[in-house]
């Protein structure tokens, strides 16, 4: 299992209030953010027990899902539905995405 697995779970805990706030204004966008964030640890878990190209595909998908979550929060902030993503949380999300992308090669 990649060491960032626990970090990703912490990211989800930190982002949960944003998802709940977003749900008040845009249930569809909140659902998309929730699904994207939920996919990341699932992809890490599945990729950890896969081989070769399957492993890479799971990690690559996890990186894409993390970027999708960032995009969902940026979109919600652009609409004025939620506050902009905290820079520290964005940095943690970006680092997790980078680790997944690196391991997808």
N, C-alpha and C. Protein backbone atom coordinates (compact mmCIF):
# COMPACT_ATOMS: atom_id res chain seq x y z
N UNK A 1 0.86 -1.18 0.00
CA UNK A 1 0.00 0.00 0.00
C UNK A 1 0.90 1.24 0.00
N UNK A 2 0.58 2.20 -0.84
CA UNK A 2 1.35 3.44 -0.85
C UNK A 2 1.22 4.16 0.48
N UNK A 3 2.30 4.80 0.88
CA UNK A 3 2.29 5.52 2.17
C UNK A 3 1.32 6.69 2.19
N UNK A 4 0.94 7.18 1.03
CA UNK A 4 0.02 8.33 1.01
C UNK A 4 -1.43 7.94 1.28
N UNK A 5 -1.70 6.65 1.40
CA UNK A 5 -3.08 6.19 1.65
C UNK A 5 -3.68 6.91 2.86
N UNK A 6 -2.97 6.91 3.98
CA UNK A 6 -3.48 7.58 5.19
C UNK A 6 -3.59 9.08 4.99
N UNK A 7 -2.66 9.67 4.23
CA UNK A 7 -2.74 11.10 3.93
C UNK A 7 -4.00 11.43 3.15
N UNK A 8 -4.35 10.56 2.22
CA UNK A 8 -5.55 10.78 1.42
C UNK A 8 -6.80 10.71 2.30
N UNK A 9 -6.82 9.79 3.24
CA UNK A 9 -7.96 9.73 4.16
C UNK A 9 -8.05 11.01 5.00
N UNK A 10 -6.92 11.56 5.39
CA UNK A 10 -6.91 12.83 6.12
C UNK A 10 -7.40 13.98 5.24
N UNK A 11 -7.03 13.95 3.97
CA UNK A 11 -7.51 14.96 3.01
C UNK A 11 -9.04 14.89 2.93
N UNK A 12 -9.58 13.69 2.88
CA UNK A 12 -11.03 13.54 2.81
C UNK A 12 -11.68 14.12 4.07
N UNK A 13 -11.11 13.82 5.22
CA UNK A 13 -11.66 14.37 6.48
C UNK A 13 -11.62 15.90 6.47
N UNK A 14 -10.53 16.47 5.96
CA UNK A 14 -10.39 17.92 5.91
C UNK A 14 -11.33 18.55 4.89
N UNK A 15 -11.60 17.83 3.81
CA UNK A 15 -12.46 18.38 2.74
C UNK A 15 -13.94 18.14 2.98
N UNK A 16 -14.29 17.25 3.89
CA UNK A 16 -15.70 16.91 4.12
C UNK A 16 -16.57 18.13 4.41
N UNK A 17 -16.12 19.08 5.26
CA UNK A 17 -16.97 20.25 5.48
C UNK A 17 -17.24 21.06 4.20
N UNK A 18 -16.27 21.10 3.29
CA UNK A 18 -16.48 21.79 2.02
C UNK A 18 -17.54 21.09 1.19
N UNK A 19 -17.51 19.76 1.18
CA UNK A 19 -18.51 19.00 0.44
C UNK A 19 -19.90 19.26 1.03
N UNK A 20 -20.00 19.26 2.35
CA UNK A 20 -21.29 19.51 3.00
C UNK A 20 -21.80 20.92 2.70
N UNK A 21 -20.91 21.89 2.70
CA UNK A 21 -21.30 23.27 2.38
C UNK A 21 -21.71 23.38 0.91
N UNK A 22 -20.96 22.75 0.05
CA UNK A 22 -21.27 22.78 -1.38
C UNK A 22 -22.62 22.13 -1.66
N UNK A 23 -22.96 21.09 -0.92
CA UNK A 23 -24.22 20.37 -1.13
C UNK A 23 -25.44 21.29 -0.94
N UNK A 24 -25.31 22.30 -0.10
CA UNK A 24 -26.42 23.24 0.13
C UNK A 24 -26.76 24.06 -1.11
N UNK A 25 -25.74 24.33 -1.94
CA UNK A 25 -25.95 25.16 -3.13
C UNK A 25 -25.99 24.38 -4.43
N UNK A 26 -25.21 23.29 -4.48
CA UNK A 26 -25.15 22.49 -5.70
C UNK A 26 -24.96 21.02 -5.33
N UNK A 27 -26.07 20.32 -5.12
CA UNK A 27 -25.96 18.90 -4.79
C UNK A 27 -25.20 18.09 -5.85
N UNK A 28 -25.37 18.46 -7.12
CA UNK A 28 -24.68 17.72 -8.18
C UNK A 28 -23.17 17.88 -8.10
N UNK A 29 -22.71 19.11 -7.91
CA UNK A 29 -21.27 19.35 -7.82
C UNK A 29 -20.70 18.73 -6.54
N UNK A 30 -21.46 18.79 -5.45
CA UNK A 30 -21.01 18.16 -4.21
C UNK A 30 -20.88 16.65 -4.39
N UNK A 31 -21.84 16.05 -5.09
CA UNK A 31 -21.78 14.62 -5.34
C UNK A 31 -20.56 14.27 -6.18
N UNK A 32 -20.27 15.09 -7.16
CA UNK A 32 -19.11 14.83 -8.01
C UNK A 32 -17.82 14.94 -7.19
N UNK A 33 -17.72 15.96 -6.34
CA UNK A 33 -16.53 16.11 -5.48
C UNK A 33 -16.40 14.93 -4.54
N UNK A 34 -17.52 14.50 -3.97
CA UNK A 34 -17.51 13.36 -3.05
C UNK A 34 -17.08 12.08 -3.75
N UNK A 35 -17.62 11.84 -4.93
CA UNK A 35 -17.26 10.63 -5.67
C UNK A 35 -15.79 10.66 -6.08
N UNK A 36 -15.32 11.83 -6.50
CA UNK A 36 -13.91 11.94 -6.91
C UNK A 36 -12.98 11.68 -5.73
N UNK A 37 -13.28 12.31 -4.59
CA UNK A 37 -12.44 12.09 -3.40
C UNK A 37 -12.51 10.65 -2.93
N UNK A 38 -13.68 10.06 -2.95
CA UNK A 38 -13.84 8.67 -2.50
C UNK A 38 -13.09 7.69 -3.39
N UNK A 39 -12.97 8.02 -4.65
CA UNK A 39 -12.29 7.12 -5.60
C UNK A 39 -10.79 7.02 -5.32
N UNK A 40 -10.20 8.05 -4.75
CA UNK A 40 -8.73 8.06 -4.60
C UNK A 40 -8.24 6.94 -3.68
N UNK A 41 -8.72 6.83 -2.44
CA UNK A 41 -8.21 5.72 -1.62
C UNK A 41 -8.60 4.35 -2.16
N UNK A 42 -9.74 4.28 -2.82
CA UNK A 42 -10.14 3.01 -3.41
C UNK A 42 -9.18 2.60 -4.53
N UNK A 43 -8.78 3.56 -5.33
CA UNK A 43 -7.82 3.28 -6.41
C UNK A 43 -6.45 2.91 -5.85
N UNK A 44 -6.05 3.58 -4.77
CA UNK A 44 -4.77 3.23 -4.14
C UNK A 44 -4.82 1.80 -3.62
N UNK A 45 -5.92 1.47 -2.95
CA UNK A 45 -6.06 0.13 -2.39
C UNK A 45 -6.05 -0.93 -3.48
N UNK A 46 -6.79 -0.70 -4.53
CA UNK A 46 -6.84 -1.69 -5.60
C UNK A 46 -5.52 -1.76 -6.35
N UNK A 47 -4.92 -0.61 -6.60
CA UNK A 47 -3.64 -0.59 -7.30
C UNK A 47 -2.53 -1.27 -6.52
N UNK A 48 -2.61 -1.20 -5.21
CA UNK A 48 -1.58 -1.81 -4.38
C UNK A 48 -1.53 -3.32 -4.53
N UNK A 49 -2.62 -3.91 -4.95
CA UNK A 49 -2.67 -5.35 -5.12
C UNK A 49 -2.85 -5.75 -6.58
N UNK A 50 -2.46 -4.83 -7.46
CA UNK A 50 -2.48 -5.11 -8.89
C UNK A 50 -1.04 -5.18 -9.38
N UNK A 51 -0.88 -5.62 -10.62
CA UNK A 51 0.45 -5.73 -11.19
C UNK A 51 0.54 -4.98 -12.50
N UNK A 52 1.75 -4.61 -12.84
CA UNK A 52 2.04 -4.04 -14.16
C UNK A 52 1.18 -2.86 -14.54
N UNK A 53 0.61 -2.97 -15.74
CA UNK A 53 -0.18 -1.86 -16.28
C UNK A 53 -1.46 -1.62 -15.49
N UNK A 54 -2.00 -2.66 -14.87
CA UNK A 54 -3.21 -2.46 -14.05
C UNK A 54 -2.90 -1.57 -12.86
N UNK A 55 -1.75 -1.79 -12.22
CA UNK A 55 -1.35 -0.95 -11.09
C UNK A 55 -1.23 0.51 -11.54
N UNK A 56 -0.52 0.70 -12.63
CA UNK A 56 -0.33 2.05 -13.16
C UNK A 56 -1.66 2.71 -13.49
N UNK A 57 -2.58 1.94 -14.06
CA UNK A 57 -3.89 2.50 -14.43
C UNK A 57 -4.66 2.95 -13.20
N UNK A 58 -4.60 2.17 -12.13
CA UNK A 58 -5.32 2.56 -10.90
C UNK A 58 -4.72 3.82 -10.29
N UNK A 59 -3.40 3.89 -10.24
CA UNK A 59 -2.75 5.08 -9.68
C UNK A 59 -3.00 6.31 -10.56
N UNK A 60 -2.97 6.12 -11.86
CA UNK A 60 -3.24 7.23 -12.77
C UNK A 60 -4.67 7.73 -12.60
N UNK A 61 -5.60 6.79 -12.47
CA UNK A 61 -7.00 7.17 -12.23
C UNK A 61 -7.17 7.90 -10.90
N UNK A 62 -6.44 7.47 -9.88
CA UNK A 62 -6.49 8.15 -8.59
C UNK A 62 -5.98 9.58 -8.68
N UNK A 63 -4.92 9.77 -9.46
CA UNK A 63 -4.39 11.13 -9.66
C UNK A 63 -5.43 12.00 -10.36
N UNK A 64 -6.08 11.43 -11.37
CA UNK A 64 -7.13 12.17 -12.08
C UNK A 64 -8.31 12.50 -11.18
N UNK A 65 -8.67 11.58 -10.32
CA UNK A 65 -9.79 11.83 -9.40
C UNK A 65 -9.44 12.93 -8.40
N UNK A 66 -8.19 12.95 -7.94
CA UNK A 66 -7.78 14.02 -7.03
C UNK A 66 -7.85 15.36 -7.73
N UNK A 67 -7.40 15.41 -8.99
CA UNK A 67 -7.48 16.66 -9.75
C UNK A 67 -8.94 17.05 -9.99
N UNK A 68 -9.79 16.08 -10.21
CA UNK A 68 -11.21 16.36 -10.39
C UNK A 68 -11.81 16.99 -9.13
N UNK A 69 -11.42 16.49 -7.97
CA UNK A 69 -11.91 17.05 -6.71
C UNK A 69 -11.45 18.50 -6.56
N UNK A 70 -10.19 18.76 -6.88
CA UNK A 70 -9.70 20.14 -6.82
C UNK A 70 -10.52 21.01 -7.76
N UNK A 71 -10.78 20.52 -8.96
CA UNK A 71 -11.58 21.27 -9.92
C UNK A 71 -13.00 21.52 -9.44
N UNK A 72 -13.59 20.54 -8.75
CA UNK A 72 -14.95 20.72 -8.22
C UNK A 72 -14.97 21.83 -7.17
N UNK A 73 -13.97 21.84 -6.30
CA UNK A 73 -13.92 22.90 -5.27
C UNK A 73 -13.63 24.26 -5.90
N UNK A 74 -12.76 24.30 -6.91
CA UNK A 74 -12.50 25.56 -7.60
C UNK A 74 -13.75 26.07 -8.30
N UNK A 75 -14.53 25.17 -8.88
CA UNK A 75 -15.76 25.56 -9.56
C UNK A 75 -16.78 26.10 -8.55
N UNK A 76 -16.93 25.41 -7.43
CA UNK A 76 -17.84 25.89 -6.39
C UNK A 76 -17.44 27.26 -5.87
N UNK A 77 -16.14 27.48 -5.73
CA UNK A 77 -15.65 28.79 -5.27
C UNK A 77 -15.89 29.85 -6.34
N UNK A 78 -15.70 29.49 -7.61
CA UNK A 78 -15.92 30.45 -8.70
C UNK A 78 -17.38 30.91 -8.75
N UNK A 79 -18.30 30.00 -8.41
CA UNK A 79 -19.72 30.35 -8.37
C UNK A 79 -20.07 31.11 -7.09
N UNK A 80 -19.16 31.15 -6.14
CA UNK A 80 -19.43 31.83 -4.87
C UNK A 80 -20.20 30.96 -3.89
N UNK A 81 -20.25 29.66 -4.13
CA UNK A 81 -21.00 28.75 -3.28
C UNK A 81 -20.22 28.31 -2.06
N UNK A 82 -18.89 28.27 -2.19
CA UNK A 82 -18.02 27.92 -1.07
C UNK A 82 -16.81 28.84 -1.09
N UNK A 83 -16.10 28.88 0.02
CA UNK A 83 -14.86 29.65 0.08
C UNK A 83 -13.80 28.96 -0.78
N UNK A 84 -12.84 29.72 -1.27
CA UNK A 84 -11.76 29.10 -2.03
C UNK A 84 -11.05 28.03 -1.19
N UNK A 85 -10.53 27.04 -1.86
CA UNK A 85 -9.82 25.95 -1.22
C UNK A 85 -8.66 26.49 -0.40
N UNK A 86 -8.57 26.07 0.86
CA UNK A 86 -7.47 26.48 1.72
C UNK A 86 -6.14 26.11 1.06
N UNK A 87 -5.18 27.03 1.01
CA UNK A 87 -3.91 26.74 0.33
C UNK A 87 -3.19 25.50 0.89
N UNK A 88 -3.26 25.28 2.20
CA UNK A 88 -2.59 24.11 2.78
C UNK A 88 -3.27 22.82 2.32
N UNK A 89 -4.60 22.83 2.25
CA UNK A 89 -5.32 21.64 1.78
C UNK A 89 -5.06 21.42 0.30
N UNK A 90 -5.05 22.49 -0.49
CA UNK A 90 -4.75 22.37 -1.92
C UNK A 90 -3.36 21.77 -2.11
N UNK A 91 -2.41 22.21 -1.30
CA UNK A 91 -1.05 21.69 -1.40
C UNK A 91 -1.01 20.20 -1.07
N UNK A 92 -1.71 19.78 -0.03
CA UNK A 92 -1.76 18.35 0.31
C UNK A 92 -2.39 17.53 -0.80
N UNK A 93 -3.45 18.07 -1.38
CA UNK A 93 -4.11 17.38 -2.49
C UNK A 93 -3.19 17.29 -3.70
N UNK A 94 -2.49 18.37 -3.98
CA UNK A 94 -1.57 18.39 -5.13
C UNK A 94 -0.40 17.43 -4.92
N UNK A 95 0.11 17.35 -3.70
CA UNK A 95 1.20 16.42 -3.41
C UNK A 95 0.74 14.97 -3.57
N UNK A 96 -0.45 14.66 -3.08
CA UNK A 96 -0.98 13.30 -3.24
C UNK A 96 -1.16 12.97 -4.71
N UNK A 97 -1.68 13.91 -5.47
CA UNK A 97 -1.85 13.71 -6.91
C UNK A 97 -0.50 13.44 -7.57
N UNK A 98 0.52 14.19 -7.19
CA UNK A 98 1.85 14.04 -7.78
C UNK A 98 2.45 12.66 -7.46
N UNK A 99 2.28 12.20 -6.23
CA UNK A 99 2.78 10.87 -5.86
C UNK A 99 2.08 9.79 -6.67
N UNK A 100 0.78 9.91 -6.82
CA UNK A 100 0.04 8.93 -7.61
C UNK A 100 0.49 8.95 -9.07
N UNK A 101 0.64 10.13 -9.60
CA UNK A 101 1.07 10.26 -11.00
C UNK A 101 2.45 9.65 -11.19
N UNK A 102 3.38 9.95 -10.26
CA UNK A 102 4.72 9.40 -10.35
C UNK A 102 4.71 7.87 -10.30
N UNK A 103 3.85 7.30 -9.46
CA UNK A 103 3.79 5.85 -9.34
C UNK A 103 3.00 5.20 -10.47
N UNK A 104 2.36 6.01 -11.30
CA UNK A 104 1.60 5.48 -12.43
C UNK A 104 2.49 5.23 -13.64
N UNK A 105 3.73 5.60 -13.57
CA UNK A 105 4.64 5.44 -14.72
C UNK A 105 5.16 4.04 -14.81
